[in-house]
PDB file of N, CA and C in Angstrom:
ATOM      1  N   ILE A   1      24.308 156.053  72.068  1.00  0.00           N
ATOM      2  CA  ILE A   1      24.048 156.067  73.487  1.00  0.00           C
ATOM      3  C   ILE A   1      24.678 154.819  74.092  1.00  0.00           C
ATOM      4  N   SER A   2      25.374 155.000  75.194  1.00  0.00           N
ATOM      5  CA  SER A   2      25.993 153.858  75.853  1.00  0.00           C
ATOM      6  C   SER A   2      24.949 153.059  76.630  1.00  0.00           C
ATOM      7  N   LEU A   3      25.363 151.917  77.136  1.00  0.00           N
ATOM      8  CA  LEU A   3      24.451 151.082  77.915  1.00  0.00           C
ATOM      9  C   LEU A   3      24.010 151.812  79.179  1.00  0.00           C
ATOM     10  N   LEU A   4      24.955 152.446  79.856  1.00  0.00           N
ATOM     11  CA  LEU A   4      24.609 153.184  81.073  1.00  0.00           C
ATOM     12  C   LEU A   4      23.663 154.337  80.761  1.00  0.00           C
ATOM     13  N   GLY A   5      23.930 155.046  79.671  1.00  0.00           N
ATOM     14  CA  GLY A   5      23.036 156.137  79.267  1.00  0.00           C
ATOM     15  C   GLY A   5      21.638 155.647  78.960  1.00  0.00           C
ATOM     16  N   SER A   6      21.544 154.497  78.298  1.00  0.00           N
ATOM     17  CA  SER A   6      20.228 153.920  77.993  1.00  0.00           C
ATOM     18  C   SER A   6      19.484 153.555  79.271  1.00  0.00           C
ATOM     19  N   ILE A   7      20.201 152.978  80.240  1.00  0.00           N
ATOM     20  CA  ILE A   7      19.566 152.591  81.500  1.00  0.00           C
ATOM     21  C   ILE A   7      19.083 153.818  82.262  1.00  0.00           C
ATOM     22  N   VAL A   8      19.889 154.876  82.272  1.00  0.00           N
ATOM     23  CA  VAL A   8      19.508 156.103  82.977  1.00  0.00           C
ATOM     24  C   VAL A   8      18.277 156.737  82.328  1.00  0.00           C
ATOM     25  N   ILE A   9      18.253 156.797  81.000  1.00  0.00           N
ATOM     26  CA  ILE A   9      17.092 157.368  80.307  1.00  0.00           C
ATOM     27  C   ILE A   9      15.848 156.521  80.550  1.00  0.00           C
ATOM     28  N   LEU A  10      15.995 155.193  80.511  1.00  0.00           N
ATOM     29  CA  LEU A  10      14.870 154.304  80.771  1.00  0.00           C
ATOM     30  C   LEU A  10      14.322 154.514  82.185  1.00  0.00           C
ATOM     31  N   PHE A  11      15.204 154.577  83.175  1.00  0.00           N
ATOM     32  CA  PHE A  11      14.760 154.793  84.552  1.00  0.00           C
ATOM     33  C   PHE A  11      14.090 156.155  84.698  1.00  0.00           C
ATOM     34  N   ASN A  12      14.646 157.167  84.031  1.00  0.00           N
ATOM     35  CA  ASN A  12      14.063 158.506  84.084  1.00  0.00           C
ATOM     36  C   ASN A  12      12.658 158.513  83.492  1.00  0.00           C
ATOM     37  N   ASN A  13      12.466 157.791  82.394  1.00  0.00           N
ATOM     38  CA  ASN A  13      11.141 157.728  81.780  1.00  0.00           C
ATOM     39  C   ASN A  13      10.153 156.936  82.632  1.00  0.00           C
ATOM     40  N   MET A  14      10.632 155.882  83.298  1.00  0.00           N
ATOM     41  CA  MET A  14       9.739 155.074  84.116  1.00  0.00           C
ATOM     42  C   MET A  14       9.368 155.771  85.420  1.00  0.00           C
ATOM     43  N   ALA A  15      10.321 156.459  86.024  1.00  0.00           N
ATOM     44  CA  ALA A  15      10.079 157.066  87.333  1.00  0.00           C
ATOM     45  C   ALA A  15      10.031 158.585  87.220  1.00  0.00           C
ATOM     46  N   GLY A  16       9.538 159.079  86.131  1.00  0.00           N
ATOM     47  CA  GLY A  16       9.504 160.508  85.875  1.00  0.00           C
ATOM     48  C   GLY A  16       8.360 161.208  86.574  1.00  0.00           C
ATOM     49  N   PRO A  17       7.924 162.303  86.025  1.00  0.00           N
ATOM     50  CA  PRO A  17       6.884 163.117  86.655  1.00  0.00           C
ATOM     51  C   PRO A  17       5.555 162.387  86.843  1.00  0.00           C
ATOM     52  N   GLY A  18       5.279 161.386  86.036  1.00  0.00           N
ATOM     53  CA  GLY A  18       4.038 160.641  86.192  1.00  0.00           C
ATOM     54  C   GLY A  18       3.941 159.926  87.531  1.00  0.00           C
ATOM     55  N   MET A  19       5.097 159.530  88.074  1.00  0.00           N
ATOM     56  CA  MET A  19       5.100 158.867  89.381  1.00  0.00           C
ATOM     57  C   MET A  19       4.565 159.779  90.471  1.00  0.00           C
ATOM     58  N   LEU A  20       4.817 161.059  90.340  1.00  0.00           N
ATOM     59  CA  LEU A  20       4.370 161.997  91.368  1.00  0.00           C
ATOM     60  C   LEU A  20       2.854 162.138  91.383  1.00  0.00           C
ATOM     61  N   ALA A  21       2.212 161.846  90.264  1.00  0.00           N
ATOM     62  CA  ALA A  21       0.762 161.991  90.183  1.00  0.00           C
ATOM     63  C   ALA A  21       0.010 160.728  90.602  1.00  0.00           C
ATOM     64  N   LEU A  22       0.715 159.620  90.794  1.00  0.00           N
ATOM     65  CA  LEU A  22       0.037 158.369  91.127  1.00  0.00           C
ATOM     66  C   LEU A  22      -0.797 158.438  92.411  1.00  0.00           C
ATOM     67  N   PRO A  23      -0.331 159.037  93.487  1.00  0.00           N
ATOM     68  CA  PRO A  23      -1.191 159.105  94.682  1.00  0.00           C
ATOM     69  C   PRO A  23      -2.515 159.834  94.432  1.00  0.00           C
ATOM     70  N   VAL A  24      -2.473 160.902  93.642  1.00  0.00           N
ATOM     71  CA  VAL A  24      -3.696 161.638  93.333  1.00  0.00           C
ATOM     72  C   VAL A  24      -4.629 160.788  92.477  1.00  0.00           C
ATOM     73  N   VAL A  25      -4.069 160.046  91.529  1.00  0.00           N
ATOM     74  CA  VAL A  25      -4.877 159.187  90.673  1.00  0.00           C
ATOM     75  C   VAL A  25      -5.537 158.086  91.496  1.00  0.00           C
ATOM     76  N   PHE A  26      -4.769 157.463  92.396  1.00  0.00           N
ATOM     77  CA  PHE A  26      -5.347 156.440  93.265  1.00  0.00           C
ATOM     78  C   PHE A  26      -6.464 157.018  94.125  1.00  0.00           C
ATOM     79  N   GLN A  27      -6.284 158.242  94.603  1.00  0.00           N
ATOM     80  CA  GLN A  27      -7.291 158.858  95.458  1.00  0.00           C
ATOM     81  C   GLN A  27      -8.565 159.171  94.678  1.00  0.00           C
ATOM     82  N   GLN A  28      -8.418 159.707  93.475  1.00  0.00           N
ATOM     83  CA  GLN A  28      -9.591 160.140  92.724  1.00  0.00           C
ATOM     84  C   GLN A  28     -10.291 158.998  91.995  1.00  0.00           C
ATOM     85  N   ALA A  29      -9.529 158.044  91.458  1.00  0.00           N
ATOM     86  CA  ALA A  29     -10.142 156.983  90.656  1.00  0.00           C
ATOM     87  C   ALA A  29     -10.422 155.720  91.460  1.00  0.00           C
ATOM     88  N   GLY A  30      -9.730 155.540  92.541  1.00  0.00           N
ATOM     89  CA  GLY A  30      -9.901 154.319  93.323  1.00  0.00           C
ATOM     90  C   GLY A  30      -8.783 153.335  93.051  1.00  0.00           C
ATOM     91  N   VAL A  31      -8.647 152.372  93.940  1.00  0.00           N
ATOM     92  CA  VAL A  31      -7.534 151.431  93.860  1.00  0.00           C
ATOM     93  C   VAL A  31      -7.695 150.443  92.702  1.00  0.00           C
ATOM     94  N   VAL A  32      -8.854 149.831  92.587  1.00  0.00           N
ATOM     95  CA  VAL A  32      -9.046 148.755  91.599  1.00  0.00           C
ATOM     96  C   VAL A  32      -8.929 149.261  90.154  1.00  0.00           C
ATOM     97  N   PRO A  33      -9.650 150.325  89.753  1.00  0.00           N
ATOM     98  CA  PRO A  33      -9.502 150.771  88.352  1.00  0.00           C
ATOM     99  C   PRO A  33      -8.080 151.236  88.020  1.00  0.00           C
ATOM    100  N   THR A  34      -7.439 151.880  88.991  1.00  0.00           N
ATOM    101  CA  THR A  34      -6.077 152.352  88.744  1.00  0.00           C
ATOM    102  C   THR A  34      -5.116 151.189  88.571  1.00  0.00           C
ATOM    103  N   LEU A  35      -5.230 150.170  89.413  1.00  0.00           N
ATOM    104  CA  LEU A  35      -4.354 148.999  89.278  1.00  0.00           C
ATOM    105  C   LEU A  35      -4.611 148.250  87.978  1.00  0.00           C
ATOM    106  N   ILE A  36      -5.868 148.147  87.585  1.00  0.00           N
ATOM    107  CA  ILE A  36      -6.186 147.473  86.319  1.00  0.00           C
ATOM    108  C   ILE A  36      -5.556 148.223  85.151  1.00  0.00           C
ATOM    109  N   LEU A  37      -5.718 149.536  85.116  1.00  0.00           N
ATOM    110  CA  LEU A  37      -5.128 150.317  84.021  1.00  0.00           C
ATOM    111  C   LEU A  37      -3.605 150.280  84.048  1.00  0.00           C
ATOM    112  N   LEU A  38      -3.008 150.301  85.230  1.00  0.00           N
ATOM    113  CA  LEU A  38      -1.547 150.182  85.308  1.00  0.00           C
ATOM    114  C   LEU A  38      -1.078 148.852  84.723  1.00  0.00           C
ATOM    115  N   CYS A  39      -1.793 147.779  85.032  1.00  0.00           N
ATOM    116  CA  CYS A  39      -1.434 146.467  84.482  1.00  0.00           C
ATOM    117  C   CYS A  39      -1.593 146.445  82.964  1.00  0.00           C
ATOM    118  N   VAL A  40      -2.649 147.063  82.450  1.00  0.00           N
ATOM    119  CA  VAL A  40      -2.848 147.127  80.999  1.00  0.00           C
ATOM    120  C   VAL A  40      -1.704 147.893  80.342  1.00  0.00           C
ATOM    121  N   PHE A  41      -1.311 149.020  80.927  1.00  0.00           N
ATOM    122  CA  PHE A  41      -0.217 149.799  80.349  1.00  0.00           C
ATOM    123  C   PHE A  41       1.118 149.078  80.454  1.00  0.00           C
ATOM    124  N   ILE A  42       1.300 148.280  81.513  1.00  0.00           N
ATOM    125  CA  ILE A  42       2.523 147.482  81.621  1.00  0.00           C
ATOM    126  C   ILE A  42       2.589 146.469  80.483  1.00  0.00           C
ATOM    127  N   VAL A  43       1.469 145.825  80.188  1.00  0.00           N
ATOM    128  CA  VAL A  43       1.433 144.847  79.095  1.00  0.00           C
ATOM    129  C   VAL A  43       1.703 145.540  77.758  1.00  0.00           C
ATOM    130  N   PHE A  44       1.046 146.679  77.512  1.00  0.00           N
ATOM    131  CA  PHE A  44       1.268 147.404  76.256  1.00  0.00           C
ATOM    132  C   PHE A  44       2.717 147.848  76.122  1.00  0.00           C
ATOM    133  N   SER A  45       3.319 148.340  77.199  1.00  0.00           N
ATOM    134  CA  SER A  45       4.722 148.764  77.157  1.00  0.00           C
ATOM    135  C   SER A  45       5.638 147.590  76.867  1.00  0.00           C
ATOM    136  N   SER A  46       5.378 146.462  77.505  1.00  0.00           N
ATOM    137  CA  SER A  46       6.216 145.284  77.286  1.00  0.00           C
ATOM    138  C   SER A  46       6.115 144.793  75.847  1.00  0.00           C
ATOM    139  N   VAL A  47       4.907 144.752  75.320  1.00  0.00           N
ATOM    140  CA  VAL A  47       4.722 144.288  73.939  1.00  0.00           C
ATOM    141  C   VAL A  47       5.385 145.244  72.950  1.00  0.00           C
ATOM    142  N   SER A  48       5.230 146.546  73.148  1.00  0.00           N
ATOM    143  CA  SER A  48       5.835 147.496  72.210  1.00  0.00           C
ATOM    144  C   SER A  48       7.362 147.471  72.302  1.00  0.00           C
ATOM    145  N   ALA A  49       7.927 147.290  73.506  1.00  0.00           N
ATOM    146  CA  ALA A  49       9.381 147.178  73.634  1.00  0.00           C
ATOM    147  C   ALA A  49       9.891 145.907  72.967  1.00  0.00           C
ATOM    148  N   THR A  50       9.141 144.821  73.097  1.00  0.00           N
ATOM    149  CA  THR A  50       9.521 143.573  72.444  1.00  0.00           C
ATOM    150  C   THR A  50       9.474 143.722  70.928  1.00  0.00           C
ATOM    151  N   MET A  51       8.441 144.389  70.421  1.00  0.00           N
ATOM    152  CA  MET A  51       8.341 144.606  68.974  1.00  0.00           C
ATOM    153  C   MET A  51       9.489 145.481  68.466  1.00  0.00           C
ATOM    154  N   LEU A  52       9.878 146.487  69.241  1.00  0.00           N
ATOM    155  CA  LEU A  52      11.000 147.340  68.851  1.00  0.00           C
ATOM    156  C   LEU A  52      12.292 146.529  68.803  1.00  0.00           C
ATOM    157  N   CYS A  53      12.509 145.671  69.793  1.00  0.00           N
ATOM    158  CA  CYS A  53      13.698 144.814  69.796  1.00  0.00           C
ATOM    159  C   CYS A  53      13.691 143.853  68.619  1.00  0.00           C
ATOM    160  N   GLU A  54      12.532 143.305  68.304  1.00  0.00           N
ATOM    161  CA  GLU A  54      12.421 142.405  67.154  1.00  0.00           C
ATOM    162  C   GLU A  54      12.744 143.129  65.848  1.00  0.00           C
ATOM    163  N   SER A  55      12.268 144.362  65.702  1.00  0.00           N
ATOM    164  CA  SER A  55      12.538 145.099  64.468  1.00  0.00           C
ATOM    165  C   SER A  55      14.021 145.447  64.346  1.00  0.00           C
ATOM    166  N   ILE A  56      14.689 145.719  65.482  1.00  0.00           N
ATOM    167  CA  ILE A  56      16.133 145.955  65.445  1.00  0.00           C
ATOM    168  C   ILE A  56      16.856 144.684  65.013  1.00  0.00           C
ATOM    169  N   ASP A  57      16.429 143.543  65.539  1.00  0.00           N
ATOM    170  CA  ASP A  57      17.046 142.271  65.172  1.00  0.00           C
ATOM    171  C   ASP A  57      16.847 141.967  63.690  1.00  0.00           C
ATOM    172  N   ILE A  58      15.645 142.204  63.194  1.00  0.00           N
ATOM    173  CA  ILE A  58      15.369 141.973  61.765  1.00  0.00           C
ATOM    174  C   ILE A  58      16.225 142.892  60.896  1.00  0.00           C
ATOM    175  N   ALA A  59      16.354 144.153  61.311  1.00  0.00           N
ATOM    176  CA  ALA A  59      17.185 145.094  60.543  1.00  0.00           C
ATOM    177  C   ALA A  59      18.638 144.635  60.520  1.00  0.00           C
ATOM    178  N   HIS A  60      19.157 144.155  61.657  1.00  0.00           N
ATOM    179  CA  HIS A  60      20.528 143.634  61.685  1.00  0.00           C
ATOM    180  C   HIS A  60      20.690 142.452  60.735  1.00  0.00           C
ATOM    181  N   LYS A  61      19.723 141.538  60.737  1.00  0.00           N
ATOM    182  CA  LYS A  61      19.813 140.371  59.857  1.00  0.00           C
ATOM    183  C   LYS A  61      19.775 140.782  58.389  1.00  0.00           C
ATOM    184  N   ILE A  62      18.903 141.730  58.050  1.00  0.00           N
ATOM    185  CA  ILE A  62      18.812 142.188  56.660  1.00  0.00           C
ATOM    186  C   ILE A  62      20.101 142.887  56.246  1.00  0.00           C
ATOM    187  N   LEU A  63      20.661 143.720  57.135  1.00  0.00           N
ATOM    188  CA  LEU A  63      21.893 144.431  56.793  1.00  0.00           C
ATOM    189  C   LEU A  63      23.071 143.477  56.650  1.00  0.00           C
ATOM    190  N   ARG A  64      23.076 142.393  57.418  1.00  0.00           N
ATOM    191  CA  ARG A  64      24.138 141.401  57.255  1.00  0.00           C
ATOM    192  C   ARG A  64      23.994 140.654  55.938  1.00  0.00           C
ATOM    193  N   LYS A  65      22.761 140.375  55.551  1.00  0.00           N
ATOM    194  CA  LYS A  65      22.530 139.603  54.328  1.00  0.00           C
ATOM    195  C   LYS A  65      22.712 140.460  53.078  1.00  0.00           C
ATOM    196  N   TYR A  66      22.297 141.746  53.140  1.00  0.00           N
ATOM    197  CA  TYR A  66      22.396 142.656  52.002  1.00  0.00           C
ATOM    198  C   TYR A  66      23.194 143.890  52.399  1.00  0.00           C
ATOM    199  N   PRO A  67      24.520 143.827  52.339  1.00  0.00           N
ATOM    200  CA  PRO A  67      25.350 144.958  52.776  1.00  0.00           C
ATOM    201  C   PRO A  67      25.141 146.235  51.958  1.00  0.00           C
ATOM    202  N   SER A  68      24.578 146.118  50.764  1.00  0.00           N
ATOM    203  CA  SER A  68      24.376 147.310  49.938  1.00  0.00           C
ATOM    204  C   SER A  68      23.299 148.232  50.510  1.00  0.00           C
ATOM    205  N   LEU A  69      22.511 147.747  51.460  1.00  0.00           N
ATOM    206  CA  LEU A  69      21.449 148.565  52.059  1.00  0.00           C
ATOM    207  C   LEU A  69      21.939 149.438  53.207  1.00  0.00           C
ATOM    208  N   LYS A  70      23.226 149.452  53.477  1.00  0.00           N
ATOM    209  CA  LYS A  70      23.747 150.127  54.657  1.00  0.00           C
ATOM    210  C   LYS A  70      23.848 151.639  54.495  1.00  0.00           C
ATOM    211  N   ARG A  71      22.988 152.251  53.742  1.00  0.00           N
ATOM    212  CA  ARG A  71      23.035 153.707  53.591  1.00  0.00           C
ATOM    213  C   ARG A  71      22.676 154.362  54.926  1.00  0.00           C
ATOM    214  N   GLY A  72      23.524 155.256  55.396  1.00  0.00           N
ATOM    215  CA  GLY A  72      23.252 155.966  56.629  1.00  0.00           C
ATOM    216  C   GLY A  72      23.592 155.191  57.890  1.00  0.00           C
ATOM    217  N   PHE A  73      24.095 153.974  57.748  1.00  0.00           N
ATOM    218  CA  PHE A  73      24.448 153.172  58.914  1.00  0.00           C
ATOM    219  C   PHE A  73      25.961 153.071  59.011  1.00  0.00           C
ATOM    220  N   GLN A  74      26.491 153.303  60.191  1.00  0.00           N
ATOM    221  CA  GLN A  74      27.917 153.135  60.402  1.00  0.00           C
ATOM    222  C   GLN A  74      28.168 151.679  60.753  1.00  0.00           C
ATOM    223  N   SER A  75      29.270 151.151  60.296  1.00  0.00           N
ATOM    224  CA  SER A  75      29.586 149.755  60.543  1.00  0.00           C
ATOM    225  C   SER A  75      29.808 149.517  62.034  1.00  0.00           C
ATOM    226  N   GLY A  76      29.068 148.587  62.596  1.00  0.00           N
ATOM    227  CA  GLY A  76      29.219 148.243  64.004  1.00  0.00           C
ATOM    228  C   GLY A  76      28.477 149.155  64.962  1.00  0.00           C
ATOM    229  N   ALA A  77      27.894 150.237  64.468  1.00  0.00           N
ATOM    230  CA  ALA A  77      27.165 151.165  65.339  1.00  0.00           C
ATOM    231  C   ALA A  77      25.804 150.567  65.696  1.00  0.00           C
ATOM    232  N   PRO A  78      25.305 150.857  66.885  1.00  0.00           N
ATOM    233  CA  PRO A  78      23.981 150.332  67.250  1.00  0.00           C
ATOM    234  C   PRO A  78      22.884 150.983  66.415  1.00  0.00           C
ATOM    235  N   ILE A  79      21.822 150.248  66.179  1.00  0.00           N
ATOM    236  CA  ILE A  79      20.682 150.773  65.441  1.00  0.00           C
ATOM    237  C   ILE A  79      19.714 151.365  66.457  1.00  0.00           C
ATOM    238  N   GLU A  80      19.418 152.637  66.309  1.00  0.00           N
ATOM    239  CA  GLU A  80      18.510 153.320  67.222  1.00  0.00           C
ATOM    240  C   GLU A  80      17.175 153.552  66.521  1.00  0.00           C
ATOM    241  N   PHE A  81      16.216 154.118  67.238  1.00  0.00           N
ATOM    242  CA  PHE A  81      14.859 154.259  66.712  1.00  0.00           C
ATOM    243  C   PHE A  81      14.826 155.051  65.414  1.00  0.00           C
ATOM    244  N   SER A  82      15.522 156.181  65.368  1.00  0.00           N
ATOM    245  CA  SER A  82      15.483 156.992  64.152  1.00  0.00           C
ATOM    246  C   SER A  82      16.125 156.266  62.972  1.00  0.00           C
ATOM    247  N   ASN A  83      17.146 155.433  63.253  1.00  0.00           N
ATOM    248  CA  ASN A  83      17.731 154.623  62.187  1.00  0.00           C
ATOM    249  C   ASN A  83      16.739 153.586  61.671  1.00  0.00           C
ATOM    250  N   LEU A  84      15.926 153.047  62.572  1.00  0.00           N
ATOM    251  CA  LEU A  84      14.883 152.111  62.132  1.00  0.00           C
ATOM    252  C   LEU A  84      13.868 152.801  61.241  1.00  0.00           C
ATOM    253  N   VAL A  85      13.509 154.029  61.592  1.00  0.00           N
ATOM    254  CA  VAL A  85      12.571 154.782  60.758  1.00  0.00           C
ATOM    255  C   VAL A  85      13.167 154.981  59.372  1.00  0.00           C
ATOM    256  N   ARG A  86      14.442 155.325  59.300  1.00  0.00           N
ATOM    257  CA  ARG A  86      15.088 155.498  57.996  1.00  0.00           C
ATOM    258  C   ARG A  86      15.126 154.185  57.225  1.00  0.00           C
ATOM    259  N   PHE A  87      15.427 153.106  57.916  1.00  0.00           N
ATOM    260  CA  PHE A  87      15.552 151.802  57.255  1.00  0.00           C
ATOM    261  C   PHE A  87      14.228 151.335  56.685  1.00  0.00           C
ATOM    262  N   TYR A  88      13.155 151.444  57.471  1.00  0.00           N
ATOM    263  CA  TYR A  88      11.863 150.900  57.044  1.00  0.00           C
ATOM    264  C   TYR A  88      11.029 151.889  56.216  1.00  0.00           C
ATOM    265  N   TYR A  89      11.150 153.199  56.469  1.00  0.00           N
ATOM    266  CA  TYR A  89      10.248 154.163  55.832  1.00  0.00           C
ATOM    267  C   TYR A  89      10.927 155.166  54.911  1.00  0.00           C
ATOM    268  N   GLY A  90      12.259 155.297  54.952  1.00  0.00           N
ATOM    269  CA  GLY A  90      12.941 156.183  54.030  1.00  0.00           C
ATOM    270  C   GLY A  90      13.399 157.484  54.661  1.00  0.00           C
ATOM    271  N   ASP A  91      14.058 158.292  53.823  1.00  0.00           N
ATOM    272  CA  ASP A  91      14.703 159.510  54.311  1.00  0.00           C
ATOM    273  C   ASP A  91      13.714 160.583  54.747  1.00  0.00           C
ATOM    274  N   PHE A  92      12.579 160.713  54.067  1.00  0.00           N
ATOM    275  CA  PHE A  92      11.608 161.743  54.443  1.00  0.00           C
ATOM    276  C   PHE A  92      11.118 161.541  55.871  1.00  0.00           C
ATOM    277  N   TRP A  93      10.708 160.315  56.199  1.00  0.00           N
ATOM    278  CA  TRP A  93      10.194 160.032  57.535  1.00  0.00           C
ATOM    279  C   TRP A  93      11.295 160.090  58.573  1.00  0.00           C
ATOM    280  N   TYR A  94      12.545 159.761  58.168  1.00  0.00           N
ATOM    281  CA  TYR A  94      13.683 159.900  59.068  1.00  0.00           C
ATOM    282  C   TYR A  94      13.860 161.367  59.451  1.00  0.00           C
ATOM    283  N   SER A  95      13.797 162.245  58.457  1.00  0.00           N
ATOM    284  CA  SER A  95      13.937 163.678  58.729  1.00  0.00           C
ATOM    285  C   SER A  95      12.803 164.178  59.608  1.00  0.00           C
ATOM    286  N   LEU A  96      11.600 163.718  59.337  1.00  0.00           N
ATOM    287  CA  LEU A  96      10.458 164.097  60.166  1.00  0.00           C
ATOM    288  C   LEU A  96      10.612 163.598  61.608  1.00  0.00           C
ATOM    289  N   CYS A  97      11.141 162.401  61.758  1.00  0.00           N
ATOM    290  CA  CYS A  97      11.401 161.834  63.087  1.00  0.00           C
ATOM    291  C   CYS A  97      12.442 162.675  63.837  1.00  0.00           C
ATOM    292  N   GLN A  98      13.477 163.108  63.125  1.00  0.00           N
ATOM    293  CA  GLN A  98      14.506 163.943  63.762  1.00  0.00           C
ATOM    294  C   GLN A  98      13.937 165.282  64.198  1.00  0.00           C
ATOM    295  N   VAL A  99      13.068 165.876  63.372  1.00  0.00           N
ATOM    296  CA  VAL A  99      12.431 167.143  63.738  1.00  0.00           C
ATOM    297  C   VAL A  99      11.546 166.947  64.964  1.00  0.00           C
ATOM    298  N   ALA A 100      10.829 165.830  65.027  1.00  0.00           N
ATOM    299  CA  ALA A 100       9.978 165.550  66.191  1.00  0.00           C
ATOM    300  C   ALA A 100      10.819 165.399  67.450  1.00  0.00           C
ATOM    301  N   TYR A 101      11.984 164.754  67.347  1.00  0.00           N
ATOM    302  CA  TYR A 101      12.891 164.633  68.488  1.00  0.00           C
ATOM    303  C   TYR A 101      13.370 165.997  68.958  1.00  0.00           C
ATOM    304  N   ILE A 102      13.739 166.827  67.987  1.00  0.00           N
ATOM    305  CA  ILE A 102      14.262 168.155  68.347  1.00  0.00           C
ATOM    306  C   ILE A 102      13.179 168.997  69.014  1.00  0.00           C
ATOM    307  N   LEU A 103      11.948 168.923  68.505  1.00  0.00           N
ATOM    308  CA  LEU A 103      10.869 169.731  69.054  1.00  0.00           C
ATOM    309  C   LEU A 103      10.369 169.205  70.401  1.00  0.00           C
ATOM    310  N   SER A 104      10.583 167.923  70.673  1.00  0.00           N
ATOM    311  CA  SER A 104      10.074 167.375  71.945  1.00  0.00           C
ATOM    312  C   SER A 104      11.024 167.609  73.042  1.00  0.00           C
TER     313      SER A 104
END
């Protein structure tokens, strides 16, 4: 995925169908509880994105140090989520991850 493609997918996920339901949620739940939960989810999203970036960085460092581990990785290609699953958990979970992507 290119940088532009990643940005478009990220924006689509952030401003997707859930945005359309926010006015109804504010109306039914109230302003304060909704804002508190939105802030909690923002923190959780930020932490999980940071952890994903850290795991990509660790995988790059390990692959540079031990080139024999590069099974399934193309030289110079970016490491994506499914590649991380293969790297850390093996081929079975990689295949399961791919099936989950296809079904979703």
